[in-house]
Amino acid sequence: MVANMITLNSHKLYALLDPGAAYFFISCRFDSKINVPRSKLKLGLVVSTPLKEIVDINDVYKGCVMTCTTSDDKSCFID
Protein backbone atom coordinates (compact mmCIF):
# COMPACT_ATOMS: atom_id res chain seq x y z
CA MET A 1 0.00 0.00 0.00
CA VAL A 2 1.15 3.50 -0.82
CA ALA A 3 -0.34 6.62 0.79
CA ASN A 4 -0.32 9.54 -1.61
CA MET A 5 -2.18 12.58 -2.93
CA ILE A 6 -3.99 11.88 -6.18
CA THR A 7 -6.09 13.89 -8.59
CA LEU A 8 -9.28 12.20 -9.73
CA ASN A 9 -11.05 14.10 -12.51
CA SER A 10 -9.47 17.38 -11.34
CA HIS A 11 -10.26 16.83 -7.62
CA LYS A 12 -7.35 16.37 -5.20
CA LEU A 13 -7.69 13.75 -2.49
CA TYR A 14 -5.57 11.62 -0.20
CA ALA A 15 -5.61 7.93 -1.07
CA LEU A 16 -4.20 4.54 -0.17
CA LEU A 17 -3.14 2.81 -3.37
CA ASP A 18 -2.19 -0.80 -3.99
CA PRO A 19 0.14 -0.76 -7.01
CA GLY A 20 -0.47 -4.47 -7.62
CA ALA A 21 -4.28 -4.21 -7.61
CA ALA A 22 -6.31 -4.96 -10.72
CA TYR A 23 -8.83 -2.20 -9.87
CA PHE A 24 -9.01 1.04 -7.90
CA PHE A 25 -12.01 1.76 -5.71
CA ILE A 26 -13.40 5.07 -4.50
CA SER A 27 -15.86 5.89 -1.75
CA CYS A 28 -19.38 6.71 -2.88
CA ARG A 29 -18.88 10.02 -1.01
CA PHE A 30 -16.87 11.21 -4.04
CA ASP A 31 -19.63 10.34 -6.50
CA SER A 32 -20.91 13.90 -6.84
CA LYS A 33 -17.38 15.36 -7.06
CA ILE A 34 -15.92 13.39 -9.96
CA ASN A 35 -18.62 14.38 -12.46
CA VAL A 36 -18.64 11.02 -14.25
CA PRO A 37 -21.83 8.98 -14.65
CA ARG A 38 -21.76 5.52 -13.17
CA SER A 39 -22.86 2.37 -14.95
CA LYS A 40 -23.97 -0.99 -13.64
CA LEU A 41 -21.48 -3.86 -13.91
CA LYS A 42 -22.67 -6.89 -15.85
CA LEU A 43 -21.21 -9.05 -13.09
CA GLY A 44 -20.70 -7.54 -9.65
CA LEU A 45 -17.49 -7.84 -7.65
CA VAL A 46 -17.13 -8.96 -4.05
CA VAL A 47 -14.19 -7.23 -2.36
CA SER A 48 -12.56 -7.81 1.01
CA THR A 49 -11.27 -4.58 2.60
CA PRO A 50 -8.09 -4.28 4.69
CA LEU A 51 -10.42 -4.29 7.74
CA LYS A 52 -11.77 -7.69 6.60
CA GLU A 53 -15.17 -6.27 5.65
CA ILE A 54 -16.93 -7.67 2.58
CA VAL A 55 -18.24 -5.10 0.08
CA ASP A 56 -20.43 -5.81 -2.96
CA ILE A 57 -19.44 -3.62 -5.92
CA ASN A 58 -22.13 -3.18 -8.57
CA ASP A 59 -21.25 0.15 -10.21
CA VAL A 60 -18.35 1.38 -12.33
CA TYR A 61 -17.16 4.86 -13.34
CA LYS A 62 -15.80 4.57 -16.87
CA GLY A 63 -13.48 7.23 -18.20
CA CYS A 64 -12.11 8.52 -14.89
CA VAL A 65 -8.64 9.96 -15.13
CA MET A 66 -6.44 9.55 -12.08
CA THR A 67 -3.05 11.22 -11.67
CA CYS A 68 -0.73 10.49 -8.80
CA THR A 69 2.75 11.64 -7.90
CA THR A 70 5.07 9.03 -6.48
CA SER A 71 7.38 9.74 -3.57
CA ASP A 72 10.30 10.35 -5.96
CA ASP A 73 8.29 13.00 -7.87
CA LYS A 74 7.72 10.81 -10.93
CA SER A 75 4.13 10.96 -12.13
CA CYS A 76 1.91 8.07 -13.07
CA PHE A 77 -1.29 8.38 -15.07
CA ILE A 78 -4.04 5.80 -14.93
CA ASP A 79 -7.11 5.83 -17.18
PDB file of N, CA and C in Angstrom:
ATOM      1  N   MET A   1       0.832  -1.178   0.000  1.00  0.00           N
ATOM      2  CA  MET A   1       0.000   0.000   0.000  1.00  0.00           C
ATOM      3  C   MET A   1       0.877   1.242   0.000  1.00  0.00           C
ATOM      4  N   VAL A   2       0.446   2.232  -0.737  1.00  0.00           N
ATOM      5  CA  VAL A   2       1.150   3.502  -0.821  1.00  0.00           C
ATOM      6  C   VAL A   2       0.155   4.606  -0.487  1.00  0.00           C
ATOM      7  N   ALA A   3       0.490   5.457   0.471  1.00  0.00           N
ATOM      8  CA  ALA A   3      -0.342   6.618   0.788  1.00  0.00           C
ATOM      9  C   ALA A   3       0.163   7.789  -0.036  1.00  0.00           C
ATOM     10  N   ASN A   4      -0.754   8.466  -0.721  1.00  0.00           N
ATOM     11  CA  ASN A   4      -0.324   9.540  -1.609  1.00  0.00           C
ATOM     12  C   ASN A   4      -1.486  10.460  -1.924  1.00  0.00           C
ATOM     13  N   MET A   5      -1.167  11.663  -2.394  1.00  0.00           N
ATOM     14  CA  MET A   5      -2.176  12.578  -2.929  1.00  0.00           C
ATOM     15  C   MET A   5      -2.399  12.201  -4.389  1.00  0.00           C
ATOM     16  N   ILE A   6      -3.669  12.153  -4.787  1.00  0.00           N
ATOM     17  CA  ILE A   6      -3.990  11.884  -6.184  1.00  0.00           C
ATOM     18  C   ILE A   6      -4.951  12.958  -6.674  1.00  0.00           C
ATOM     19  N   THR A   7      -5.073  13.054  -7.971  1.00  0.00           N
ATOM     20  CA  THR A   7      -6.091  13.892  -8.585  1.00  0.00           C
ATOM     21  C   THR A   7      -7.008  12.965  -9.359  1.00  0.00           C
ATOM     22  N   LEU A   8      -8.282  13.028  -9.049  1.00  0.00           N
ATOM     23  CA  LEU A   8      -9.276  12.204  -9.726  1.00  0.00           C
ATOM     24  C   LEU A   8     -10.259  13.139 -10.401  1.00  0.00           C
ATOM     25  N   ASN A   9     -10.209  13.186 -11.727  1.00  0.00           N
ATOM     26  CA  ASN A   9     -11.049  14.105 -12.506  1.00  0.00           C
ATOM     27  C   ASN A   9     -10.979  15.523 -11.960  1.00  0.00           C
ATOM     28  N   SER A  10      -9.771  16.011 -11.775  1.00  0.00           N
ATOM     29  CA  SER A  10      -9.466  17.382 -11.339  1.00  0.00           C
ATOM     30  C   SER A  10      -9.760  17.661  -9.863  1.00  0.00           C
ATOM     31  N   HIS A  11     -10.025  16.647  -9.051  1.00  0.00           N
ATOM     32  CA  HIS A  11     -10.257  16.828  -7.618  1.00  0.00           C
ATOM     33  C   HIS A  11      -9.138  16.147  -6.846  1.00  0.00           C
ATOM     34  N   LYS A  12      -8.456  16.922  -5.990  1.00  0.00           N
ATOM     35  CA  LYS A  12      -7.354  16.368  -5.203  1.00  0.00           C
ATOM     36  C   LYS A  12      -7.901  15.643  -3.976  1.00  0.00           C
ATOM     37  N   LEU A  13      -7.315  14.483  -3.690  1.00  0.00           N
ATOM     38  CA  LEU A  13      -7.686  13.746  -2.494  1.00  0.00           C
ATOM     39  C   LEU A  13      -6.534  12.868  -2.046  1.00  0.00           C
ATOM     40  N   TYR A  14      -6.579  12.484  -0.790  1.00  0.00           N
ATOM     41  CA  TYR A  14      -5.568  11.619  -0.199  1.00  0.00           C
ATOM     42  C   TYR A  14      -6.053  10.187  -0.350  1.00  0.00           C
ATOM     43  N   ALA A  15      -5.184   9.298  -0.786  1.00  0.00           N
ATOM     44  CA  ALA A  15      -5.612   7.929  -1.067  1.00  0.00           C
ATOM     45  C   ALA A  15      -4.579   6.912  -0.625  1.00  0.00           C
ATOM     46  N   LEU A  16      -5.060   5.704  -0.353  1.00  0.00           N
ATOM     47  CA  LEU A  16      -4.202   4.537  -0.169  1.00  0.00           C
ATOM     48  C   LEU A  16      -4.297   3.732  -1.453  1.00  0.00           C
ATOM     49  N   LEU A  17      -3.169   3.504  -2.093  1.00  0.00           N
ATOM     50  CA  LEU A  17      -3.140   2.806  -3.374  1.00  0.00           C
ATOM     51  C   LEU A  17      -2.382   1.499  -3.243  1.00  0.00           C
ATOM     52  N   ASP A  18      -2.884   0.485  -3.906  1.00  0.00           N
ATOM     53  CA  ASP A  18      -2.195  -0.799  -3.987  1.00  0.00           C
ATOM     54  C   ASP A  18      -1.691  -0.943  -5.412  1.00  0.00           C
ATOM     55  N   PRO A  19      -0.387  -0.730  -5.634  1.00  0.00           N
ATOM     56  CA  PRO A  19       0.142  -0.765  -7.006  1.00  0.00           C
ATOM     57  C   PRO A  19      -0.073  -2.098  -7.721  1.00  0.00           C
ATOM     58  N   GLY A  20      -0.275  -3.170  -6.990  1.00  0.00           N
ATOM     59  CA  GLY A  20      -0.474  -4.471  -7.620  1.00  0.00           C
ATOM     60  C   GLY A  20      -1.936  -4.828  -7.843  1.00  0.00           C
ATOM     61  N   ALA A  21      -2.847  -3.923  -7.492  1.00  0.00           N
ATOM     62  CA  ALA A  21      -4.275  -4.214  -7.610  1.00  0.00           C
ATOM     63  C   ALA A  21      -4.743  -4.152  -9.060  1.00  0.00           C
ATOM     64  N   ALA A  22      -5.736  -4.959  -9.372  1.00  0.00           N
ATOM     65  CA  ALA A  22      -6.311  -4.957 -10.719  1.00  0.00           C
ATOM     66  C   ALA A  22      -7.269  -3.786 -10.911  1.00  0.00           C
ATOM     67  N   TYR A  23      -7.860  -3.287  -9.817  1.00  0.00           N
ATOM     68  CA  TYR A  23      -8.834  -2.203  -9.872  1.00  0.00           C
ATOM     69  C   TYR A  23      -8.541  -1.200  -8.768  1.00  0.00           C
ATOM     70  N   PHE A  24      -9.047   0.021  -8.954  1.00  0.00           N
ATOM     71  CA  PHE A  24      -9.013   1.037  -7.902  1.00  0.00           C
ATOM     72  C   PHE A  24     -10.451   1.318  -7.507  1.00  0.00           C
ATOM     73  N   PHE A  25     -10.673   1.515  -6.224  1.00  0.00           N
ATOM     74  CA  PHE A  25     -12.014   1.758  -5.708  1.00  0.00           C
ATOM     75  C   PHE A  25     -12.062   3.113  -5.035  1.00  0.00           C
ATOM     76  N   ILE A  26     -13.207   3.800  -5.177  1.00  0.00           N
ATOM     77  CA  ILE A  26     -13.397   5.074  -4.499  1.00  0.00           C
ATOM     78  C   ILE A  26     -14.640   4.980  -3.620  1.00  0.00           C
ATOM     79  N   SER A  27     -14.692   5.812  -2.620  1.00  0.00           N
ATOM     80  CA  SER A  27     -15.861   5.892  -1.752  1.00  0.00           C
ATOM     81  C   SER A  27     -17.009   6.545  -2.513  1.00  0.00           C
ATOM     82  N   CYS A  28     -18.216   6.102  -2.231  1.00  0.00           N
ATOM     83  CA  CYS A  28     -19.377   6.710  -2.877  1.00  0.00           C
ATOM     84  C   CYS A  28     -19.553   8.168  -2.447  1.00  0.00           C
ATOM     85  N   ARG A  29     -18.845   8.613  -1.415  1.00  0.00           N
ATOM     86  CA  ARG A  29     -18.884  10.024  -1.010  1.00  0.00           C
ATOM     87  C   ARG A  29     -18.308  10.941  -2.090  1.00  0.00           C
ATOM     88  N   PHE A  30     -17.479  10.404  -2.982  1.00  0.00           N
ATOM     89  CA  PHE A  30     -16.867  11.207  -4.044  1.00  0.00           C
ATOM     90  C   PHE A  30     -17.696  11.207  -5.320  1.00  0.00           C
ATOM     91  N   ASP A  31     -18.785  10.485  -5.315  1.00  0.00           N
ATOM     92  CA  ASP A  31     -19.634  10.340  -6.501  1.00  0.00           C
ATOM     93  C   ASP A  31     -20.018  11.683  -7.113  1.00  0.00           C
ATOM     94  N   SER A  32     -20.454  12.611  -6.310  1.00  0.00           N
ATOM     95  CA  SER A  32     -20.911  13.898  -6.835  1.00  0.00           C
ATOM     96  C   SER A  32     -19.750  14.807  -7.243  1.00  0.00           C
ATOM     97  N   LYS A  33     -18.529  14.498  -6.786  1.00  0.00           N
ATOM     98  CA  LYS A  33     -17.385  15.361  -7.064  1.00  0.00           C
ATOM     99  C   LYS A  33     -16.662  15.018  -8.363  1.00  0.00           C
ATOM    100  N   ILE A  34     -16.729  13.767  -8.800  1.00  0.00           N
ATOM    101  CA  ILE A  34     -15.923  13.390  -9.963  1.00  0.00           C
ATOM    102  C   ILE A  34     -16.607  13.680 -11.290  1.00  0.00           C
ATOM    103  N   ASN A  35     -17.908  13.955 -11.263  1.00  0.00           N
ATOM    104  CA  ASN A  35     -18.624  14.381 -12.456  1.00  0.00           C
ATOM    105  C   ASN A  35     -18.525  13.373 -13.601  1.00  0.00           C
ATOM    106  N   VAL A  36     -18.644  12.101 -13.260  1.00  0.00           N
ATOM    107  CA  VAL A  36     -18.637  11.021 -14.252  1.00  0.00           C
ATOM    108  C   VAL A  36     -19.838  10.126 -13.942  1.00  0.00           C
ATOM    109  N   PRO A  37     -20.676   9.850 -14.927  1.00  0.00           N
ATOM    110  CA  PRO A  37     -21.833   8.983 -14.650  1.00  0.00           C
ATOM    111  C   PRO A  37     -21.377   7.556 -14.349  1.00  0.00           C
ATOM    112  N   ARG A  38     -22.108   6.913 -13.472  1.00  0.00           N
ATOM    113  CA  ARG A  38     -21.760   5.521 -13.172  1.00  0.00           C
ATOM    114  C   ARG A  38     -22.676   4.583 -13.939  1.00  0.00           C
ATOM    115  N   SER A  39     -22.140   3.412 -14.222  1.00  0.00           N
ATOM    116  CA  SER A  39     -22.864   2.375 -14.947  1.00  0.00           C
ATOM    117  C   SER A  39     -22.904   1.121 -14.081  1.00  0.00           C
ATOM    118  N   LYS A  40     -23.878   0.280 -14.341  1.00  0.00           N
ATOM    119  CA  LYS A  40     -23.974  -0.993 -13.638  1.00  0.00           C
ATOM    120  C   LYS A  40     -23.006  -1.997 -14.261  1.00  0.00           C
ATOM    121  N   LEU A  41     -22.329  -2.771 -13.424  1.00  0.00           N
ATOM    122  CA  LEU A  41     -21.480  -3.856 -13.909  1.00  0.00           C
ATOM    123  C   LEU A  41     -22.354  -5.013 -14.378  1.00  0.00           C
ATOM    124  N   LYS A  42     -21.934  -5.704 -15.417  1.00  0.00           N
ATOM    125  CA  LYS A  42     -22.671  -6.894 -15.853  1.00  0.00           C
ATOM    126  C   LYS A  42     -22.598  -7.971 -14.781  1.00  0.00           C
ATOM    127  N   LEU A  43     -21.423  -8.127 -14.208  1.00  0.00           N
ATOM    128  CA  LEU A  43     -21.214  -9.046 -13.088  1.00  0.00           C
ATOM    129  C   LEU A  43     -20.597  -8.253 -11.951  1.00  0.00           C
ATOM    130  N   GLY A  44     -21.217  -8.279 -10.794  1.00  0.00           N
ATOM    131  CA  GLY A  44     -20.697  -7.538  -9.653  1.00  0.00           C
ATOM    132  C   GLY A  44     -19.406  -8.146  -9.119  1.00  0.00           C
ATOM    133  N   LEU A  45     -18.717  -7.384  -8.304  1.00  0.00           N
ATOM    134  CA  LEU A  45     -17.492  -7.839  -7.649  1.00  0.00           C
ATOM    135  C   LEU A  45     -17.732  -7.918  -6.146  1.00  0.00           C
ATOM    136  N   VAL A  46     -17.124  -8.875  -5.501  1.00  0.00           N
ATOM    137  CA  VAL A  46     -17.132  -8.959  -4.045  1.00  0.00           C
ATOM    138  C   VAL A  46     -15.704  -8.704  -3.598  1.00  0.00           C
ATOM    139  N   VAL A  47     -15.522  -7.685  -2.755  1.00  0.00           N
ATOM    140  CA  VAL A  47     -14.194  -7.228  -2.357  1.00  0.00           C
ATOM    141  C   VAL A  47     -14.049  -7.323  -0.855  1.00  0.00           C
ATOM    142  N   SER A  48     -12.893  -7.797  -0.408  1.00  0.00           N
ATOM    143  CA  SER A  48     -12.556  -7.813   1.012  1.00  0.00           C
ATOM    144  C   SER A  48     -11.658  -6.614   1.296  1.00  0.00           C
ATOM    145  N   THR A  49     -12.042  -5.774   2.256  1.00  0.00           N
ATOM    146  CA  THR A  49     -11.270  -4.575   2.596  1.00  0.00           C
ATOM    147  C   THR A  49     -10.118  -4.941   3.531  1.00  0.00           C
ATOM    148  N   PRO A  50      -9.171  -4.013   3.734  1.00  0.00           N
ATOM    149  CA  PRO A  50      -8.093  -4.284   4.693  1.00  0.00           C
ATOM    150  C   PRO A  50      -8.606  -4.531   6.119  1.00  0.00           C
ATOM    151  N   LEU A  51      -9.815  -4.054   6.416  1.00  0.00           N
ATOM    152  CA  LEU A  51     -10.417  -4.292   7.740  1.00  0.00           C
ATOM    153  C   LEU A  51     -11.244  -5.570   7.774  1.00  0.00           C
ATOM    154  N   LYS A  52     -11.095  -6.385   6.726  1.00  0.00           N
ATOM    155  CA  LYS A  52     -11.770  -7.687   6.603  1.00  0.00           C
ATOM    156  C   LYS A  52     -13.282  -7.569   6.449  1.00  0.00           C
ATOM    157  N   GLU A  53     -13.757  -6.425   5.958  1.00  0.00           N
ATOM    158  CA  GLU A  53     -15.167  -6.265   5.649  1.00  0.00           C
ATOM    159  C   GLU A  53     -15.392  -6.707   4.203  1.00  0.00           C
ATOM    160  N   ILE A  54     -16.565  -7.246   3.930  1.00  0.00           N
ATOM    161  CA  ILE A  54     -16.926  -7.667   2.579  1.00  0.00           C
ATOM    162  C   ILE A  54     -17.833  -6.606   1.976  1.00  0.00           C
ATOM    163  N   VAL A  55     -17.482  -6.141   0.761  1.00  0.00           N
ATOM    164  CA  VAL A  55     -18.243  -5.100   0.077  1.00  0.00           C
ATOM    165  C   VAL A  55     -18.649  -5.616  -1.297  1.00  0.00           C
ATOM    166  N   ASP A  56     -19.929  -5.478  -1.620  1.00  0.00           N
ATOM    167  CA  ASP A  56     -20.426  -5.814  -2.955  1.00  0.00           C
ATOM    168  C   ASP A  56     -20.308  -4.584  -3.845  1.00  0.00           C
ATOM    169  N   ILE A  57     -19.623  -4.720  -4.977  1.00  0.00           N
ATOM    170  CA  ILE A  57     -19.437  -3.624  -5.921  1.00  0.00           C
ATOM    171  C   ILE A  57     -20.309  -3.911  -7.138  1.00  0.00           C
ATOM    172  N   ASN A  58     -21.220  -2.986  -7.449  1.00  0.00           N
ATOM    173  CA  ASN A  58     -22.126  -3.181  -8.569  1.00  0.00           C
ATOM    174  C   ASN A  58     -22.066  -2.070  -9.605  1.00  0.00           C
ATOM    175  N   ASP A  59     -21.318  -1.003  -9.314  1.00  0.00           N
ATOM    176  CA  ASP A  59     -21.245   0.146 -10.214  1.00  0.00           C
ATOM    177  C   ASP A  59     -19.803   0.405 -10.644  1.00  0.00           C
ATOM    178  N   VAL A  60     -19.664   1.027 -11.809  1.00  0.00           N
ATOM    179  CA  VAL A  60     -18.350   1.377 -12.329  1.00  0.00           C
ATOM    180  C   VAL A  60     -18.404   2.797 -12.888  1.00  0.00           C
ATOM    181  N   TYR A  61     -17.306   3.529 -12.738  1.00  0.00           N
ATOM    182  CA  TYR A  61     -17.161   4.857 -13.337  1.00  0.00           C
ATOM    183  C   TYR A  61     -16.175   4.713 -14.485  1.00  0.00           C
ATOM    184  N   LYS A  62     -16.668   4.728 -15.707  1.00  0.00           N
ATOM    185  CA  LYS A  62     -15.796   4.572 -16.870  1.00  0.00           C
ATOM    186  C   LYS A  62     -15.301   5.935 -17.317  1.00  0.00           C
ATOM    187  N   GLY A  63     -14.041   5.998 -17.679  1.00  0.00           N
ATOM    188  CA  GLY A  63     -13.479   7.233 -18.199  1.00  0.00           C
ATOM    189  C   GLY A  63     -12.891   8.158 -17.152  1.00  0.00           C
ATOM    190  N   CYS A  64     -12.766   7.683 -15.906  1.00  0.00           N
ATOM    191  CA  CYS A  64     -12.114   8.519 -14.888  1.00  0.00           C
ATOM    192  C   CYS A  64     -10.629   8.619 -15.209  1.00  0.00           C
ATOM    193  N   VAL A  65     -10.077   9.770 -14.951  1.00  0.00           N
ATOM    194  CA  VAL A  65      -8.642   9.960 -15.131  1.00  0.00           C
ATOM    195  C   VAL A  65      -8.044  10.240 -13.764  1.00  0.00           C
ATOM    196  N   MET A  66      -7.096   9.388 -13.367  1.00  0.00           N
ATOM    197  CA  MET A  66      -6.439   9.548 -12.077  1.00  0.00           C
ATOM    198  C   MET A  66      -4.973   9.855 -12.310  1.00  0.00           C
ATOM    199  N   THR A  67      -4.462  10.854 -11.618  1.00  0.00           N
ATOM    200  CA  THR A  67      -3.055  11.223 -11.675  1.00  0.00           C
ATOM    201  C   THR A  67      -2.509  11.153 -10.264  1.00  0.00           C
ATOM    202  N   CYS A  68      -1.362  10.521 -10.113  1.00  0.00           N
ATOM    203  CA  CYS A  68      -0.729  10.491  -8.798  1.00  0.00           C
ATOM    204  C   CYS A  68       0.746  10.829  -8.963  1.00  0.00           C
ATOM    205  N   THR A  69       1.323  11.341  -7.899  1.00  0.00           N
ATOM    206  CA  THR A  69       2.746  11.643  -7.895  1.00  0.00           C
ATOM    207  C   THR A  69       3.407  10.715  -6.904  1.00  0.00           C
ATOM    208  N   THR A  70       4.375   9.961  -7.359  1.00  0.00           N
ATOM    209  CA  THR A  70       5.065   9.027  -6.483  1.00  0.00           C
ATOM    210  C   THR A  70       6.013   9.781  -5.560  1.00  0.00           C
ATOM    211  N   SER A  71       6.521   9.087  -4.568  1.00  0.00           N
ATOM    212  CA  SER A  71       7.375   9.742  -3.574  1.00  0.00           C
ATOM    213  C   SER A  71       8.663  10.306  -4.171  1.00  0.00           C
ATOM    214  N   ASP A  72       9.090   9.816  -5.322  1.00  0.00           N
ATOM    215  CA  ASP A  72      10.304  10.352  -5.955  1.00  0.00           C
ATOM    216  C   ASP A  72       9.973  11.364  -7.043  1.00  0.00           C
ATOM    217  N   ASP A  73       8.752  11.939  -6.967  1.00  0.00           N
ATOM    218  CA  ASP A  73       8.288  12.998  -7.875  1.00  0.00           C
ATOM    219  C   ASP A  73       8.154  12.557  -9.333  1.00  0.00           C
ATOM    220  N   LYS A  74       8.063  11.281  -9.590  1.00  0.00           N
ATOM    221  CA  LYS A  74       7.718  10.814 -10.929  1.00  0.00           C
ATOM    222  C   LYS A  74       6.202  10.659 -10.958  1.00  0.00           C
ATOM    223  N   SER A  75       5.594  11.026 -12.041  1.00  0.00           N
ATOM    224  CA  SER A  75       4.135  10.960 -12.128  1.00  0.00           C
ATOM    225  C   SER A  75       3.676   9.678 -12.800  1.00  0.00           C
ATOM    226  N   CYS A  76       2.524   9.208 -12.387  1.00  0.00           N
ATOM    227  CA  CYS A  76       1.909   8.070 -13.072  1.00  0.00           C
ATOM    228  C   CYS A  76       0.492   8.473 -13.428  1.00  0.00           C
ATOM    229  N   PHE A  77       0.046   8.044 -14.577  1.00  0.00           N
ATOM    230  CA  PHE A  77      -1.288   8.384 -15.071  1.00  0.00           C
ATOM    231  C   PHE A  77      -2.049   7.098 -15.309  1.00  0.00           C
ATOM    232  N   ILE A  78      -3.243   7.011 -14.789  1.00  0.00           N
ATOM    233  CA  ILE A  78      -4.041   5.801 -14.927  1.00  0.00           C
ATOM    234  C   ILE A  78      -5.398   6.192 -15.483  1.00  0.00           C
ATOM    235  N   ASP A  79      -5.788   5.589 -16.605  1.00  0.00           N
ATOM    236  CA  ASP A  79      -7.114   5.830 -17.179  1.00  0.00           C
ATOM    237  C   ASP A  79      -8.021   4.681 -16.809  1.00  0.00           C
TER     238      ASP A  79
END
